[in-house]
Amino acid sequence: MGWMKKRMVLSYQTHTTNVRLVTEEDAGKGIVKERDYKDIDGLITNVPGITLVTFFADCVPLYFLDPVHKAIGLSHSGWRGTVSRMGAVTIDKMKEAYGTRAEDLLVCIGPSICGDCYEVGEEVALEFKKVFANQNWNQILREKDNGKFMLDLWKANEILLKEAGVKPENIQTTDICTHCNSDYLFSHRTCGNERGNLAAFLSLKE
């Protein structure tokens, strides 16, 4: 396991849309070496054997694989990341670094809180209404009698990924909700700060 730890690179998440290009020199940062970066919610690399690591406890993990240019990306997208188009930002960074084309990407939306569990206030709903076209509001927001809204981050990220050029058939979305399954998955909505974190891992084979 020691050699695996030395090949991991950890994010430094603060709900930004900052994406770091990970090189061989980054191997081990955040686990066996100090991180010399902050405010990083996304990681991309084309180095085989480097394992990208991000953390979650209701927010959405986004996995990206470019099989043409042999590159990967892993991003953390809570409501702030989603409304700021974290998925599209990650794709743009991969395009800039590796020549990635959105239509070639295979993308996975991982386990996270579902639209039936994620209640938000009107201020959050308004942020999404600013970003999403009117015809998409009913797909991602459901207003409740108490003036709150249920927000579907899975559907929101699907829409944004498609708008960024990812083919619908290349997007796989989980049906596993962290809040619904908080007996074996960490959920901030269930446990607050008295919890651990889920980790997402992604690596290219050496």
N, C-alpha and C. Protein backbone atom coordinates (compact mmCIF):
# COMPACT_ATOMS: atom_id res chain seq x y z
N MET A 1 0.82 -1.21 0.00
CA MET A 1 0.00 0.00 0.00
C MET A 1 0.85 1.26 0.00
N GLY A 2 2.10 1.15 0.50
CA GLY A 2 2.95 2.33 0.57
C GLY A 2 3.18 2.98 -0.77
N TRP A 3 3.43 2.14 -1.78
CA TRP A 3 3.68 2.71 -3.11
C TRP A 3 2.43 3.36 -3.67
N MET A 4 1.25 2.84 -3.29
CA MET A 4 0.01 3.45 -3.76
C MET A 4 -0.16 4.85 -3.18
N LYS A 5 0.14 5.00 -1.87
CA LYS A 5 0.03 6.30 -1.22
C LYS A 5 0.95 7.32 -1.88
N LYS A 6 2.12 6.87 -2.27
CA LYS A 6 3.09 7.78 -2.86
C LYS A 6 2.68 8.24 -4.26
N ARG A 7 1.68 7.58 -4.84
CA ARG A 7 1.22 7.93 -6.18
C ARG A 7 -0.11 8.67 -6.15
N MET A 8 -0.65 8.92 -4.97
CA MET A 8 -1.92 9.64 -4.85
C MET A 8 -1.69 11.15 -4.83
N VAL A 9 -2.69 11.90 -5.33
CA VAL A 9 -2.68 13.36 -5.28
C VAL A 9 -4.05 13.80 -4.80
N LEU A 10 -4.08 14.55 -3.69
CA LEU A 10 -5.34 14.95 -3.08
C LEU A 10 -5.73 16.38 -3.44
N SER A 11 -7.02 16.59 -3.57
CA SER A 11 -7.56 17.93 -3.78
C SER A 11 -7.44 18.75 -2.50
N TYR A 12 -7.79 20.03 -2.59
CA TYR A 12 -7.85 20.92 -1.42
C TYR A 12 -9.13 21.73 -1.58
N GLN A 13 -10.25 21.11 -1.23
CA GLN A 13 -11.57 21.58 -1.65
C GLN A 13 -12.11 22.73 -0.81
N THR A 14 -12.57 23.76 -1.49
CA THR A 14 -13.21 24.91 -0.83
C THR A 14 -14.39 25.41 -1.66
N HIS A 15 -15.02 24.52 -2.41
CA HIS A 15 -16.19 24.85 -3.24
C HIS A 15 -15.85 25.89 -4.32
N THR A 16 -14.69 25.74 -4.92
CA THR A 16 -14.30 26.58 -6.05
C THR A 16 -14.53 25.82 -7.35
N THR A 17 -14.15 26.44 -8.46
CA THR A 17 -14.09 25.71 -9.74
C THR A 17 -12.64 25.70 -10.24
N ASN A 18 -11.70 25.75 -9.31
CA ASN A 18 -10.29 25.69 -9.68
C ASN A 18 -9.88 24.25 -9.95
N VAL A 19 -9.20 24.04 -11.07
CA VAL A 19 -8.77 22.71 -11.49
C VAL A 19 -7.25 22.70 -11.63
N ARG A 20 -6.61 21.72 -11.00
CA ARG A 20 -5.14 21.63 -11.06
C ARG A 20 -4.71 20.57 -12.06
N LEU A 21 -3.75 20.93 -12.90
CA LEU A 21 -3.12 19.97 -13.80
C LEU A 21 -2.06 19.22 -13.00
N VAL A 22 -2.26 17.93 -12.81
CA VAL A 22 -1.39 17.10 -11.98
C VAL A 22 -0.29 16.46 -12.83
N THR A 23 0.95 16.63 -12.39
CA THR A 23 2.10 16.04 -13.07
C THR A 23 2.78 15.03 -12.15
N GLU A 24 3.82 14.40 -12.66
CA GLU A 24 4.58 13.43 -11.87
C GLU A 24 5.12 14.06 -10.59
N GLU A 25 5.46 15.32 -10.64
CA GLU A 25 6.01 16.01 -9.47
C GLU A 25 5.01 16.13 -8.33
N ASP A 26 3.73 16.00 -8.63
CA ASP A 26 2.69 16.12 -7.61
C ASP A 26 2.45 14.82 -6.85
N ALA A 27 3.02 13.71 -7.29
CA ALA A 27 2.76 12.40 -6.68
C ALA A 27 2.97 12.45 -5.17
N GLY A 28 1.96 12.00 -4.44
CA GLY A 28 2.03 11.94 -2.98
C GLY A 28 1.55 13.17 -2.26
N LYS A 29 1.23 14.25 -2.98
CA LYS A 29 0.83 15.48 -2.31
C LYS A 29 -0.53 15.34 -1.63
N GLY A 30 -0.53 15.70 -0.36
CA GLY A 30 -1.74 15.59 0.43
C GLY A 30 -1.81 14.33 1.24
N ILE A 31 -0.85 13.41 1.02
CA ILE A 31 -0.88 12.16 1.78
C ILE A 31 0.48 11.79 2.34
N VAL A 32 1.55 11.90 1.56
CA VAL A 32 2.91 11.67 2.09
C VAL A 32 3.78 12.90 1.91
N LYS A 33 3.26 13.90 1.23
CA LYS A 33 3.95 15.18 1.06
C LYS A 33 2.95 16.32 1.27
N GLU A 34 3.45 17.46 1.72
CA GLU A 34 2.59 18.62 1.90
C GLU A 34 2.09 19.11 0.55
N ARG A 35 0.84 19.56 0.53
CA ARG A 35 0.31 20.20 -0.67
C ARG A 35 0.82 21.64 -0.76
N ASP A 36 1.31 22.02 -1.93
CA ASP A 36 1.76 23.39 -2.13
C ASP A 36 0.72 24.18 -2.90
N TYR A 37 -0.54 23.81 -2.71
CA TYR A 37 -1.66 24.48 -3.37
C TYR A 37 -2.86 24.46 -2.44
N LYS A 38 -3.77 25.40 -2.65
CA LYS A 38 -5.03 25.46 -1.92
C LYS A 38 -6.15 25.75 -2.92
N ASP A 39 -7.40 25.63 -2.43
CA ASP A 39 -8.56 26.00 -3.24
C ASP A 39 -8.59 25.25 -4.57
N ILE A 40 -8.47 23.93 -4.50
CA ILE A 40 -8.49 23.08 -5.69
C ILE A 40 -9.61 22.06 -5.54
N ASP A 41 -10.63 22.17 -6.38
CA ASP A 41 -11.77 21.25 -6.34
C ASP A 41 -11.80 20.29 -7.52
N GLY A 42 -10.84 20.41 -8.41
CA GLY A 42 -10.75 19.50 -9.55
C GLY A 42 -9.30 19.18 -9.86
N LEU A 43 -9.09 17.95 -10.34
CA LEU A 43 -7.75 17.48 -10.70
C LEU A 43 -7.80 16.83 -12.07
N ILE A 44 -6.80 17.06 -12.90
CA ILE A 44 -6.70 16.39 -14.19
C ILE A 44 -5.27 15.89 -14.37
N THR A 45 -5.11 14.80 -15.11
CA THR A 45 -3.77 14.29 -15.40
C THR A 45 -3.79 13.38 -16.61
N ASN A 46 -2.61 13.21 -17.19
CA ASN A 46 -2.42 12.19 -18.23
C ASN A 46 -1.25 11.29 -17.87
N VAL A 47 -0.88 11.29 -16.58
CA VAL A 47 0.24 10.48 -16.11
C VAL A 47 -0.27 9.13 -15.62
N PRO A 48 0.09 8.03 -16.28
CA PRO A 48 -0.36 6.71 -15.83
C PRO A 48 0.15 6.41 -14.42
N GLY A 49 -0.72 5.80 -13.62
CA GLY A 49 -0.33 5.40 -12.27
C GLY A 49 -0.57 6.44 -11.21
N ILE A 50 -0.73 7.70 -11.58
CA ILE A 50 -1.10 8.74 -10.61
C ILE A 50 -2.58 8.57 -10.29
N THR A 51 -2.91 8.56 -9.00
CA THR A 51 -4.31 8.42 -8.58
C THR A 51 -4.84 9.75 -8.07
N LEU A 52 -5.84 10.27 -8.74
CA LEU A 52 -6.50 11.51 -8.31
C LEU A 52 -7.49 11.17 -7.20
N VAL A 53 -7.55 12.04 -6.16
CA VAL A 53 -8.41 11.77 -5.01
C VAL A 53 -9.18 13.04 -4.63
N THR A 54 -10.50 12.91 -4.55
CA THR A 54 -11.35 14.01 -4.08
C THR A 54 -12.29 13.47 -3.01
N PHE A 55 -12.99 14.38 -2.29
CA PHE A 55 -13.76 13.97 -1.12
C PHE A 55 -15.18 14.53 -1.15
N PHE A 56 -16.10 13.76 -0.53
CA PHE A 56 -17.53 14.06 -0.65
C PHE A 56 -18.30 13.59 0.58
N ALA A 57 -19.44 14.28 0.83
CA ALA A 57 -20.35 13.80 1.87
C ALA A 57 -21.76 14.32 1.58
N ASP A 58 -22.15 14.31 0.34
CA ASP A 58 -23.42 14.69 -0.27
C ASP A 58 -23.19 15.38 -1.62
N CYS A 59 -22.06 16.09 -1.76
CA CYS A 59 -21.75 16.76 -3.03
C CYS A 59 -21.48 15.73 -4.12
N VAL A 60 -21.40 16.20 -5.36
CA VAL A 60 -21.34 15.32 -6.52
C VAL A 60 -19.90 15.10 -7.00
N PRO A 61 -19.47 13.84 -7.07
CA PRO A 61 -18.20 13.54 -7.72
C PRO A 61 -18.41 13.39 -9.23
N LEU A 62 -17.57 14.06 -10.00
CA LEU A 62 -17.63 13.97 -11.46
C LEU A 62 -16.34 13.31 -11.96
N TYR A 63 -16.49 12.20 -12.67
CA TYR A 63 -15.36 11.45 -13.21
C TYR A 63 -15.30 11.65 -14.72
N PHE A 64 -14.12 11.91 -15.24
CA PHE A 64 -13.93 12.15 -16.67
C PHE A 64 -12.83 11.24 -17.22
N LEU A 65 -13.11 10.58 -18.34
CA LEU A 65 -12.10 9.79 -19.03
C LEU A 65 -12.07 10.18 -20.50
N ASP A 66 -10.91 10.58 -20.97
CA ASP A 66 -10.67 10.84 -22.39
C ASP A 66 -9.89 9.65 -22.93
N PRO A 67 -10.57 8.68 -23.57
CA PRO A 67 -9.88 7.48 -24.06
C PRO A 67 -9.02 7.75 -25.29
N VAL A 68 -9.24 8.87 -25.95
CA VAL A 68 -8.48 9.20 -27.16
C VAL A 68 -7.10 9.75 -26.78
N HIS A 69 -7.08 10.71 -25.87
CA HIS A 69 -5.82 11.35 -25.47
C HIS A 69 -5.25 10.78 -24.18
N LYS A 70 -5.90 9.73 -23.66
CA LYS A 70 -5.43 9.04 -22.45
C LYS A 70 -5.24 10.03 -21.30
N ALA A 71 -6.33 10.68 -20.92
CA ALA A 71 -6.31 11.65 -19.84
C ALA A 71 -7.57 11.48 -18.99
N ILE A 72 -7.48 11.92 -17.73
CA ILE A 72 -8.61 11.79 -16.81
C ILE A 72 -8.80 13.08 -16.02
N GLY A 73 -10.00 13.22 -15.46
CA GLY A 73 -10.29 14.33 -14.57
C GLY A 73 -11.22 13.87 -13.46
N LEU A 74 -11.12 14.48 -12.30
CA LEU A 74 -11.97 14.15 -11.17
C LEU A 74 -12.30 15.45 -10.45
N SER A 75 -13.59 15.76 -10.31
CA SER A 75 -13.98 17.05 -9.75
C SER A 75 -15.06 16.92 -8.68
N HIS A 76 -15.03 17.86 -7.76
CA HIS A 76 -15.99 17.98 -6.67
C HIS A 76 -16.99 19.08 -7.04
N SER A 77 -18.28 18.74 -7.06
CA SER A 77 -19.28 19.69 -7.51
C SER A 77 -20.50 19.69 -6.58
N GLY A 78 -20.44 20.54 -5.55
CA GLY A 78 -21.62 20.77 -4.72
C GLY A 78 -22.54 21.74 -5.43
N TRP A 79 -23.45 22.37 -4.70
CA TRP A 79 -24.36 23.28 -5.41
C TRP A 79 -23.58 24.47 -5.96
N ARG A 80 -22.58 24.95 -5.22
CA ARG A 80 -21.81 26.10 -5.71
C ARG A 80 -21.01 25.73 -6.96
N GLY A 81 -20.39 24.56 -6.93
CA GLY A 81 -19.64 24.11 -8.10
C GLY A 81 -20.54 23.87 -9.30
N THR A 82 -21.70 23.27 -9.03
CA THR A 82 -22.62 22.96 -10.12
C THR A 82 -23.14 24.24 -10.78
N VAL A 83 -23.57 25.21 -9.98
CA VAL A 83 -24.12 26.44 -10.55
C VAL A 83 -23.02 27.24 -11.26
N SER A 84 -21.76 26.97 -10.92
CA SER A 84 -20.63 27.61 -11.59
C SER A 84 -20.05 26.74 -12.71
N ARG A 85 -20.78 25.68 -13.07
CA ARG A 85 -20.45 24.82 -14.21
C ARG A 85 -19.10 24.11 -14.05
N MET A 86 -18.91 23.48 -12.90
CA MET A 86 -17.66 22.78 -12.65
C MET A 86 -17.35 21.73 -13.70
N GLY A 87 -18.36 21.01 -14.15
CA GLY A 87 -18.13 20.00 -15.17
C GLY A 87 -17.56 20.59 -16.44
N ALA A 88 -18.14 21.70 -16.90
CA ALA A 88 -17.67 22.35 -18.12
C ALA A 88 -16.27 22.94 -17.92
N VAL A 89 -16.01 23.47 -16.73
CA VAL A 89 -14.68 24.02 -16.44
C VAL A 89 -13.63 22.92 -16.52
N THR A 90 -13.95 21.75 -15.97
CA THR A 90 -13.02 20.63 -16.01
C THR A 90 -12.75 20.21 -17.45
N ILE A 91 -13.79 20.15 -18.25
CA ILE A 91 -13.63 19.78 -19.66
C ILE A 91 -12.75 20.80 -20.38
N ASP A 92 -12.98 22.07 -20.11
CA ASP A 92 -12.16 23.12 -20.75
C ASP A 92 -10.69 22.98 -20.37
N LYS A 93 -10.42 22.65 -19.11
CA LYS A 93 -9.04 22.47 -18.66
C LYS A 93 -8.39 21.27 -19.35
N MET A 94 -9.16 20.20 -19.53
CA MET A 94 -8.63 19.02 -20.22
C MET A 94 -8.39 19.32 -21.70
N LYS A 95 -9.27 20.10 -22.28
CA LYS A 95 -9.08 20.51 -23.68
C LYS A 95 -7.81 21.32 -23.83
N GLU A 96 -7.61 22.27 -22.93
CA GLU A 96 -6.44 23.14 -22.97
C GLU A 96 -5.15 22.36 -22.77
N ALA A 97 -5.18 21.40 -21.85
CA ALA A 97 -3.97 20.66 -21.49
C ALA A 97 -3.67 19.50 -22.43
N TYR A 98 -4.72 18.80 -22.88
CA TYR A 98 -4.49 17.54 -23.58
C TYR A 98 -5.13 17.47 -24.96
N GLY A 99 -5.87 18.50 -25.34
CA GLY A 99 -6.57 18.45 -26.62
C GLY A 99 -7.87 17.67 -26.56
N THR A 100 -8.38 17.43 -25.36
CA THR A 100 -9.61 16.67 -25.16
C THR A 100 -10.78 17.29 -25.91
N ARG A 101 -11.59 16.44 -26.52
CA ARG A 101 -12.85 16.87 -27.15
C ARG A 101 -14.00 16.33 -26.32
N ALA A 102 -14.95 17.19 -26.02
CA ALA A 102 -16.07 16.79 -25.16
C ALA A 102 -16.80 15.57 -25.71
N GLU A 103 -16.92 15.49 -27.02
CA GLU A 103 -17.66 14.38 -27.62
C GLU A 103 -16.98 13.03 -27.44
N ASP A 104 -15.70 13.04 -27.07
CA ASP A 104 -14.98 11.78 -26.83
C ASP A 104 -15.05 11.33 -25.38
N LEU A 105 -15.45 12.22 -24.48
CA LEU A 105 -15.37 11.93 -23.06
C LEU A 105 -16.41 10.90 -22.59
N LEU A 106 -15.99 10.09 -21.64
CA LEU A 106 -16.88 9.23 -20.86
C LEU A 106 -16.95 9.86 -19.47
N VAL A 107 -18.16 10.15 -19.00
CA VAL A 107 -18.32 10.88 -17.74
C VAL A 107 -19.27 10.12 -16.81
N CYS A 108 -18.91 10.12 -15.54
CA CYS A 108 -19.78 9.50 -14.52
C CYS A 108 -20.11 10.51 -13.43
N ILE A 109 -21.39 10.57 -13.08
CA ILE A 109 -21.87 11.36 -11.95
C ILE A 109 -22.06 10.39 -10.79
N GLY A 110 -21.20 10.50 -9.78
CA GLY A 110 -21.13 9.48 -8.73
C GLY A 110 -22.13 9.66 -7.60
N PRO A 111 -22.08 8.75 -6.61
CA PRO A 111 -22.99 8.79 -5.46
C PRO A 111 -22.96 10.14 -4.74
N SER A 112 -24.14 10.66 -4.46
CA SER A 112 -24.29 11.99 -3.87
C SER A 112 -25.76 12.14 -3.48
N ILE A 113 -26.11 13.28 -2.93
CA ILE A 113 -27.49 13.46 -2.46
C ILE A 113 -28.45 13.57 -3.65
N CYS A 114 -29.60 12.93 -3.54
CA CYS A 114 -30.55 12.91 -4.66
C CYS A 114 -31.54 14.08 -4.59
N GLY A 115 -32.29 14.25 -5.66
CA GLY A 115 -33.23 15.36 -5.76
C GLY A 115 -34.42 15.27 -4.82
N ASP A 116 -34.67 14.07 -4.26
CA ASP A 116 -35.77 13.92 -3.31
C ASP A 116 -35.33 14.22 -1.88
N CYS A 117 -34.03 14.41 -1.68
CA CYS A 117 -33.49 14.63 -0.33
C CYS A 117 -32.86 16.00 -0.14
N TYR A 118 -32.54 16.68 -1.24
CA TYR A 118 -31.73 17.90 -1.12
C TYR A 118 -32.61 19.14 -1.14
N GLU A 119 -32.98 19.60 0.06
CA GLU A 119 -33.79 20.81 0.19
C GLU A 119 -32.89 22.03 0.29
N VAL A 120 -33.22 23.07 -0.48
CA VAL A 120 -32.45 24.32 -0.45
C VAL A 120 -33.40 25.50 -0.33
N GLY A 121 -32.84 26.63 0.07
CA GLY A 121 -33.64 27.84 0.19
C GLY A 121 -33.83 28.55 -1.14
N GLU A 122 -34.68 29.57 -1.11
CA GLU A 122 -34.99 30.31 -2.33
C GLU A 122 -33.75 30.97 -2.93
N GLU A 123 -32.81 31.40 -2.05
CA GLU A 123 -31.61 32.07 -2.55
C GLU A 123 -30.76 31.15 -3.43
N VAL A 124 -30.71 29.86 -3.07
CA VAL A 124 -29.97 28.89 -3.89
C VAL A 124 -30.73 28.61 -5.18
N ALA A 125 -32.04 28.44 -5.07
CA ALA A 125 -32.86 28.20 -6.25
C ALA A 125 -32.72 29.33 -7.26
N LEU A 126 -32.66 30.56 -6.78
CA LEU A 126 -32.52 31.71 -7.69
C LEU A 126 -31.20 31.68 -8.42
N GLU A 127 -30.13 31.21 -7.76
CA GLU A 127 -28.83 31.11 -8.42
C GLU A 127 -28.91 30.13 -9.59
N PHE A 128 -29.64 29.04 -9.42
CA PHE A 128 -29.79 28.06 -10.50
C PHE A 128 -30.68 28.60 -11.61
N LYS A 129 -31.67 29.38 -11.26
CA LYS A 129 -32.54 29.96 -12.28
C LYS A 129 -31.80 30.97 -13.15
N LYS A 130 -30.76 31.58 -12.59
CA LYS A 130 -29.95 32.50 -13.38
C LYS A 130 -29.12 31.77 -14.44
N VAL A 131 -28.74 30.54 -14.14
CA VAL A 131 -27.80 29.79 -14.99
C VAL A 131 -28.52 28.89 -15.98
N PHE A 132 -29.63 28.30 -15.57
CA PHE A 132 -30.32 27.31 -16.40
C PHE A 132 -31.47 27.95 -17.17
N ALA A 133 -31.67 27.47 -18.37
CA ALA A 133 -32.77 27.94 -19.21
C ALA A 133 -34.11 27.60 -18.56
N ASN A 134 -35.10 28.43 -18.83
CA ASN A 134 -36.42 28.25 -18.22
C ASN A 134 -36.97 26.84 -18.40
N GLN A 135 -36.75 26.25 -19.57
CA GLN A 135 -37.32 24.94 -19.84
C GLN A 135 -36.68 23.83 -19.00
N ASN A 136 -35.55 24.15 -18.34
CA ASN A 136 -34.88 23.15 -17.52
C ASN A 136 -35.22 23.27 -16.03
N TRP A 137 -35.89 24.34 -15.64
CA TRP A 137 -36.15 24.56 -14.22
C TRP A 137 -36.93 23.42 -13.60
N ASN A 138 -37.96 22.93 -14.28
CA ASN A 138 -38.79 21.88 -13.73
C ASN A 138 -38.05 20.56 -13.59
N GLN A 139 -36.95 20.42 -14.33
CA GLN A 139 -36.17 19.18 -14.24
C GLN A 139 -35.26 19.18 -13.02
N ILE A 140 -34.86 20.37 -12.58
CA ILE A 140 -33.88 20.42 -11.49
C ILE A 140 -34.43 21.00 -10.19
N LEU A 141 -35.55 21.73 -10.25
CA LEU A 141 -36.10 22.37 -9.05
C LEU A 141 -37.57 22.02 -8.87
N ARG A 142 -37.93 21.69 -7.64
CA ARG A 142 -39.33 21.43 -7.31
C ARG A 142 -39.69 22.25 -6.06
N GLU A 143 -40.61 23.18 -6.22
CA GLU A 143 -40.97 24.06 -5.10
C GLU A 143 -41.87 23.34 -4.12
N LYS A 144 -41.61 23.57 -2.84
CA LYS A 144 -42.41 22.96 -1.78
C LYS A 144 -43.38 23.98 -1.19
N ASP A 145 -44.33 23.51 -0.39
CA ASP A 145 -45.32 24.39 0.22
C ASP A 145 -44.70 25.35 1.23
N ASN A 146 -43.53 24.98 1.77
CA ASN A 146 -42.90 25.82 2.79
C ASN A 146 -41.99 26.91 2.20
N GLY A 147 -42.02 27.05 0.87
CA GLY A 147 -41.20 28.06 0.22
C GLY A 147 -39.79 27.60 -0.09
N LYS A 148 -39.46 26.38 0.33
CA LYS A 148 -38.16 25.79 0.00
C LYS A 148 -38.26 25.06 -1.34
N PHE A 149 -37.11 24.59 -1.82
CA PHE A 149 -37.06 23.88 -3.10
C PHE A 149 -36.27 22.58 -2.94
N MET A 150 -36.67 21.57 -3.70
CA MET A 150 -35.87 20.36 -3.81
C MET A 150 -35.02 20.51 -5.07
N LEU A 151 -33.72 20.32 -4.90
CA LEU A 151 -32.75 20.54 -5.99
C LEU A 151 -32.14 19.22 -6.42
N ASP A 152 -32.19 18.94 -7.72
CA ASP A 152 -31.64 17.71 -8.29
C ASP A 152 -30.27 18.01 -8.92
N LEU A 153 -29.21 17.78 -8.16
CA LEU A 153 -27.86 18.04 -8.66
C LEU A 153 -27.45 17.05 -9.74
N TRP A 154 -27.99 15.83 -9.70
CA TRP A 154 -27.67 14.86 -10.75
C TRP A 154 -28.15 15.38 -12.11
N LYS A 155 -29.42 15.78 -12.15
CA LYS A 155 -29.99 16.27 -13.41
C LYS A 155 -29.31 17.57 -13.84
N ALA A 156 -29.03 18.45 -12.89
CA ALA A 156 -28.36 19.72 -13.22
C ALA A 156 -27.00 19.46 -13.87
N ASN A 157 -26.23 18.53 -13.31
CA ASN A 157 -24.93 18.24 -13.89
C ASN A 157 -25.06 17.55 -15.25
N GLU A 158 -26.05 16.69 -15.40
CA GLU A 158 -26.30 16.07 -16.71
C GLU A 158 -26.54 17.14 -17.78
N ILE A 159 -27.40 18.09 -17.46
CA ILE A 159 -27.73 19.16 -18.41
C ILE A 159 -26.49 19.95 -18.78
N LEU A 160 -25.68 20.32 -17.77
CA LEU A 160 -24.49 21.11 -18.03
C LEU A 160 -23.46 20.34 -18.85
N LEU A 161 -23.33 19.05 -18.59
CA LEU A 161 -22.38 18.23 -19.35
C LEU A 161 -22.80 18.13 -20.82
N LYS A 162 -24.10 17.96 -21.04
CA LYS A 162 -24.61 17.90 -22.41
C LYS A 162 -24.39 19.24 -23.12
N GLU A 163 -24.64 20.33 -22.41
CA GLU A 163 -24.42 21.65 -23.00
C GLU A 163 -22.94 21.86 -23.34
N ALA A 164 -22.05 21.21 -22.58
CA ALA A 164 -20.61 21.33 -22.83
C ALA A 164 -20.15 20.46 -23.98
N GLY A 165 -21.06 19.60 -24.50
CA GLY A 165 -20.73 18.80 -25.66
C GLY A 165 -20.57 17.32 -25.42
N VAL A 166 -20.76 16.87 -24.17
CA VAL A 166 -20.66 15.43 -23.89
C VAL A 166 -21.90 14.73 -24.45
N LYS A 167 -21.69 13.61 -25.11
CA LYS A 167 -22.81 12.87 -25.68
C LYS A 167 -23.66 12.26 -24.55
N PRO A 168 -24.99 12.34 -24.67
CA PRO A 168 -25.86 11.80 -23.62
C PRO A 168 -25.56 10.33 -23.30
N GLU A 169 -25.25 9.55 -24.33
CA GLU A 169 -24.98 8.13 -24.11
C GLU A 169 -23.65 7.89 -23.41
N ASN A 170 -22.83 8.93 -23.28
CA ASN A 170 -21.54 8.80 -22.61
C ASN A 170 -21.56 9.32 -21.18
N ILE A 171 -22.76 9.63 -20.68
CA ILE A 171 -22.92 10.09 -19.30
C ILE A 171 -23.63 9.01 -18.50
N GLN A 172 -22.97 8.53 -17.47
CA GLN A 172 -23.57 7.55 -16.56
C GLN A 172 -23.84 8.22 -15.22
N THR A 173 -25.09 8.14 -14.77
CA THR A 173 -25.48 8.79 -13.52
C THR A 173 -25.87 7.75 -12.48
N THR A 174 -25.33 7.92 -11.28
CA THR A 174 -25.64 6.99 -10.19
C THR A 174 -27.11 7.05 -9.81
N ASP A 175 -27.58 6.01 -9.15
CA ASP A 175 -28.90 6.08 -8.50
C ASP A 175 -28.72 5.83 -7.01
N ILE A 176 -27.51 6.15 -6.50
CA ILE A 176 -27.19 5.93 -5.09
C ILE A 176 -27.12 7.27 -4.38
N CYS A 177 -28.03 7.48 -3.45
CA CYS A 177 -28.09 8.74 -2.69
C CYS A 177 -27.38 8.57 -1.35
N THR A 178 -26.50 9.51 -1.04
CA THR A 178 -25.77 9.44 0.23
C THR A 178 -26.70 9.63 1.43
N HIS A 179 -27.68 10.50 1.29
CA HIS A 179 -28.61 10.76 2.40
C HIS A 179 -29.54 9.58 2.63
N CYS A 180 -30.04 8.99 1.55
CA CYS A 180 -30.93 7.82 1.66
C CYS A 180 -30.18 6.61 2.25
N ASN A 181 -28.88 6.58 2.05
CA ASN A 181 -28.08 5.43 2.46
C ASN A 181 -27.02 5.82 3.48
N SER A 182 -27.41 6.69 4.40
CA SER A 182 -26.44 7.23 5.35
C SER A 182 -25.98 6.21 6.39
N ASP A 183 -26.58 5.01 6.38
CA ASP A 183 -26.10 3.97 7.28
C ASP A 183 -24.76 3.39 6.81
N TYR A 184 -24.45 3.56 5.50
CA TYR A 184 -23.15 3.08 5.03
C TYR A 184 -22.42 4.08 4.13
N LEU A 185 -23.01 5.25 3.89
CA LEU A 185 -22.33 6.32 3.16
C LEU A 185 -22.39 7.59 4.01
N PHE A 186 -21.32 8.37 4.03
CA PHE A 186 -21.30 9.61 4.80
C PHE A 186 -22.20 10.67 4.14
N SER A 187 -23.04 11.30 4.95
CA SER A 187 -23.95 12.34 4.47
C SER A 187 -23.90 13.52 5.43
N HIS A 188 -23.54 14.69 4.90
CA HIS A 188 -23.52 15.89 5.73
C HIS A 188 -24.92 16.27 6.19
N ARG A 189 -25.92 16.07 5.32
CA ARG A 189 -27.29 16.41 5.69
C ARG A 189 -27.80 15.54 6.85
N THR A 190 -27.28 14.33 6.93
CA THR A 190 -27.71 13.42 8.00
C THR A 190 -26.94 13.65 9.29
N CYS A 191 -25.63 13.79 9.18
CA CYS A 191 -24.77 13.78 10.36
C CYS A 191 -24.12 15.12 10.69
N GLY A 192 -24.25 16.11 9.81
CA GLY A 192 -23.57 17.37 10.04
C GLY A 192 -22.06 17.17 10.00
N ASN A 193 -21.35 17.84 10.89
CA ASN A 193 -19.89 17.73 10.91
C ASN A 193 -19.39 16.50 11.65
N GLU A 194 -20.30 15.77 12.29
CA GLU A 194 -19.92 14.56 13.02
C GLU A 194 -19.93 13.37 12.06
N ARG A 195 -19.00 13.40 11.15
CA ARG A 195 -18.97 12.36 10.10
C ARG A 195 -17.57 12.30 9.50
N GLY A 196 -17.40 11.30 8.64
CA GLY A 196 -16.19 11.22 7.83
C GLY A 196 -16.49 11.72 6.43
N ASN A 197 -15.62 11.38 5.50
CA ASN A 197 -15.81 11.74 4.10
C ASN A 197 -15.74 10.51 3.21
N LEU A 198 -16.48 10.55 2.12
CA LEU A 198 -16.29 9.57 1.06
C LEU A 198 -15.16 10.05 0.18
N ALA A 199 -14.38 9.14 -0.36
CA ALA A 199 -13.30 9.50 -1.27
C ALA A 199 -13.59 8.93 -2.65
N ALA A 200 -13.30 9.71 -3.66
CA ALA A 200 -13.37 9.25 -5.05
C ALA A 200 -11.94 9.11 -5.57
N PHE A 201 -11.69 8.03 -6.30
CA PHE A 201 -10.36 7.76 -6.82
C PHE A 201 -10.46 7.54 -8.34
N LEU A 202 -9.47 8.02 -9.08
CA LEU A 202 -9.43 7.78 -10.52
C LEU A 202 -7.98 7.76 -10.97
N SER A 203 -7.64 6.74 -11.77
CA SER A 203 -6.26 6.59 -12.21
C SER A 203 -6.23 5.95 -13.59
N LEU A 204 -5.20 6.29 -14.35
CA LEU A 204 -4.91 5.62 -15.62
C LEU A 204 -3.98 4.44 -15.35
N LYS A 205 -4.26 3.32 -15.97
CA LYS A 205 -3.39 2.15 -15.78
C LYS A 205 -2.00 2.43 -16.32
N GLU A 206 -1.01 1.91 -15.60
CA GLU A 206 0.38 2.07 -16.07
C GLU A 206 0.67 1.05 -17.17
